[in-house]
Amino acid sequence: MENKEDNKPATVVEVVDQGPLGIKGSFILKDLKRGSESKPGEVWLCRCGKSKNKPFCDDSHKKND
């Protein structure tokens, strides 16, 4: 799906090596566990499992264990 005005994708997903998953653009994020829904323009999701704010990244992947 593209934005017809400027031919850019409506949503872009960026995978950061050893880091989070970035989602930018027009999307809906549903949190079934918390029963909430948000429509942010940009969000970074945890992939390492260390975040204290799951599903969102809090940069815990950068800390040495």
C-alpha atoms as a PDB file:
ATOM      1  CA  MET A   1       0.000   0.000   0.000  1.00  0.00           C
ATOM      2  CA  GLU A   2       1.416   3.396  -0.981  1.00  0.00           C
ATOM      3  CA  ASN A   3       0.577   6.964  -0.144  1.00  0.00           C
ATOM      4  CA  LYS A   4      -0.823   8.178  -3.473  1.00  0.00           C
ATOM      5  CA  GLU A   5       0.394  11.750  -2.913  1.00  0.00           C
ATOM      6  CA  ASP A   6       4.122  11.026  -2.784  1.00  0.00           C
ATOM      7  CA  ASN A   7       4.417   7.310  -3.731  1.00  0.00           C
ATOM      8  CA  LYS A   8       5.943   6.450  -0.329  1.00  0.00           C
ATOM      9  CA  PRO A   9       4.780   3.364   1.580  1.00  0.00           C
ATOM     10  CA  ALA A  10       2.031   4.092   4.115  1.00  0.00           C
ATOM     11  CA  THR A  11       3.923   2.018   6.698  1.00  0.00           C
ATOM     12  CA  VAL A  12       7.631   1.249   6.997  1.00  0.00           C
ATOM     13  CA  VAL A  13       9.041  -1.540   9.182  1.00  0.00           C
ATOM     14  CA  GLU A  14      12.731  -1.239  10.111  1.00  0.00           C
ATOM     15  CA  VAL A  15      14.639  -4.187  11.588  1.00  0.00           C
ATOM     16  CA  VAL A  16      17.671  -3.089  13.613  1.00  0.00           C
ATOM     17  CA  ASP A  17      20.432  -5.709  13.904  1.00  0.00           C
ATOM     18  CA  GLN A  18      20.613  -6.827  17.553  1.00  0.00           C
ATOM     19  CA  GLY A  19      17.971  -4.193  18.333  1.00  0.00           C
ATOM     20  CA  PRO A  20      14.288  -3.315  18.141  1.00  0.00           C
ATOM     21  CA  LEU A  21      11.726  -3.433  15.385  1.00  0.00           C
ATOM     22  CA  GLY A  22      10.704   0.047  14.266  1.00  0.00           C
ATOM     23  CA  ILE A  23       7.288   0.718  12.749  1.00  0.00           C
ATOM     24  CA  LYS A  24       6.631   4.120  11.204  1.00  0.00           C
ATOM     25  CA  GLY A  25       3.593   5.430   9.406  1.00  0.00           C
ATOM     26  CA  SER A  26      -0.094   4.708   9.521  1.00  0.00           C
ATOM     27  CA  PHE A  27      -0.988   1.660  11.613  1.00  0.00           C
ATOM     28  CA  ILE A  28      -2.956   0.469  14.620  1.00  0.00           C
ATOM     29  CA  LEU A  29      -1.193  -1.340  17.465  1.00  0.00           C
ATOM     30  CA  LYS A  30      -3.530  -3.504  19.563  1.00  0.00           C
ATOM     31  CA  ASP A  31      -2.427  -4.654  23.007  1.00  0.00           C
ATOM     32  CA  LEU A  32      -4.739  -7.565  23.770  1.00  0.00           C
ATOM     33  CA  LYS A  33      -3.205  -8.178  27.197  1.00  0.00           C
ATOM     34  CA  ARG A  34      -3.903  -4.638  28.385  1.00  0.00           C
ATOM     35  CA  GLY A  35      -7.046  -4.209  26.312  1.00  0.00           C
ATOM     36  CA  SER A  36      -5.758  -1.029  24.722  1.00  0.00           C
ATOM     37  CA  GLU A  37      -5.214   0.254  21.221  1.00  0.00           C
ATOM     38  CA  SER A  38      -2.957   3.043  20.028  1.00  0.00           C
ATOM     39  CA  LYS A  39      -2.385   4.720  16.694  1.00  0.00           C
ATOM     40  CA  PRO A  40       1.131   6.123  16.954  1.00  0.00           C
ATOM     41  CA  GLY A  41       3.126   7.480  14.040  1.00  0.00           C
ATOM     42  CA  GLU A  42       6.291   5.712  15.189  1.00  0.00           C
ATOM     43  CA  VAL A  43       6.948   2.920  17.655  1.00  0.00           C
ATOM     44  CA  TRP A  44       9.930   0.712  18.524  1.00  0.00           C
ATOM     45  CA  LEU A  45       9.110  -2.820  19.648  1.00  0.00           C
ATOM     46  CA  CYS A  46      11.351  -5.018  21.796  1.00  0.00           C
ATOM     47  CA  ARG A  47      12.804  -8.139  20.167  1.00  0.00           C
ATOM     48  CA  CYS A  48      15.314  -9.123  22.872  1.00  0.00           C
ATOM     49  CA  GLY A  49      12.810  -9.799  25.662  1.00  0.00           C
ATOM     50  CA  LYS A  50      14.699  -7.632  28.189  1.00  0.00           C
ATOM     51  CA  SER A  51      12.495  -4.526  28.055  1.00  0.00           C
ATOM     52  CA  LYS A  52      10.698  -3.538  31.242  1.00  0.00           C
ATOM     53  CA  ASN A  53       8.077  -1.795  29.075  1.00  0.00           C
ATOM     54  CA  LYS A  54       7.066  -4.609  26.699  1.00  0.00           C
ATOM     55  CA  PRO A  55       6.098  -4.642  23.952  1.00  0.00           C
ATOM     56  CA  PHE A  56       8.029  -1.381  23.590  1.00  0.00           C
ATOM     57  CA  CYS A  57      11.811  -1.118  23.460  1.00  0.00           C
ATOM     58  CA  ASP A  58      13.493   0.636  26.405  1.00  0.00           C
ATOM     59  CA  ASP A  59      17.067   0.122  25.098  1.00  0.00           C
ATOM     60  CA  SER A  60      17.700  -2.789  27.505  1.00  0.00           C
ATOM     61  CA  HIS A  61      19.347  -4.639  24.594  1.00  0.00           C
ATOM     62  CA  LYS A  62      22.228  -2.136  24.828  1.00  0.00           C
ATOM     63  CA  LYS A  63      23.054  -3.013  28.449  1.00  0.00           C
ATOM     64  CA  ASN A  64      25.736  -5.585  29.201  1.00  0.00           C
ATOM     65  CA  ASP A  65      24.655  -8.538  31.307  1.00  0.00           C
END
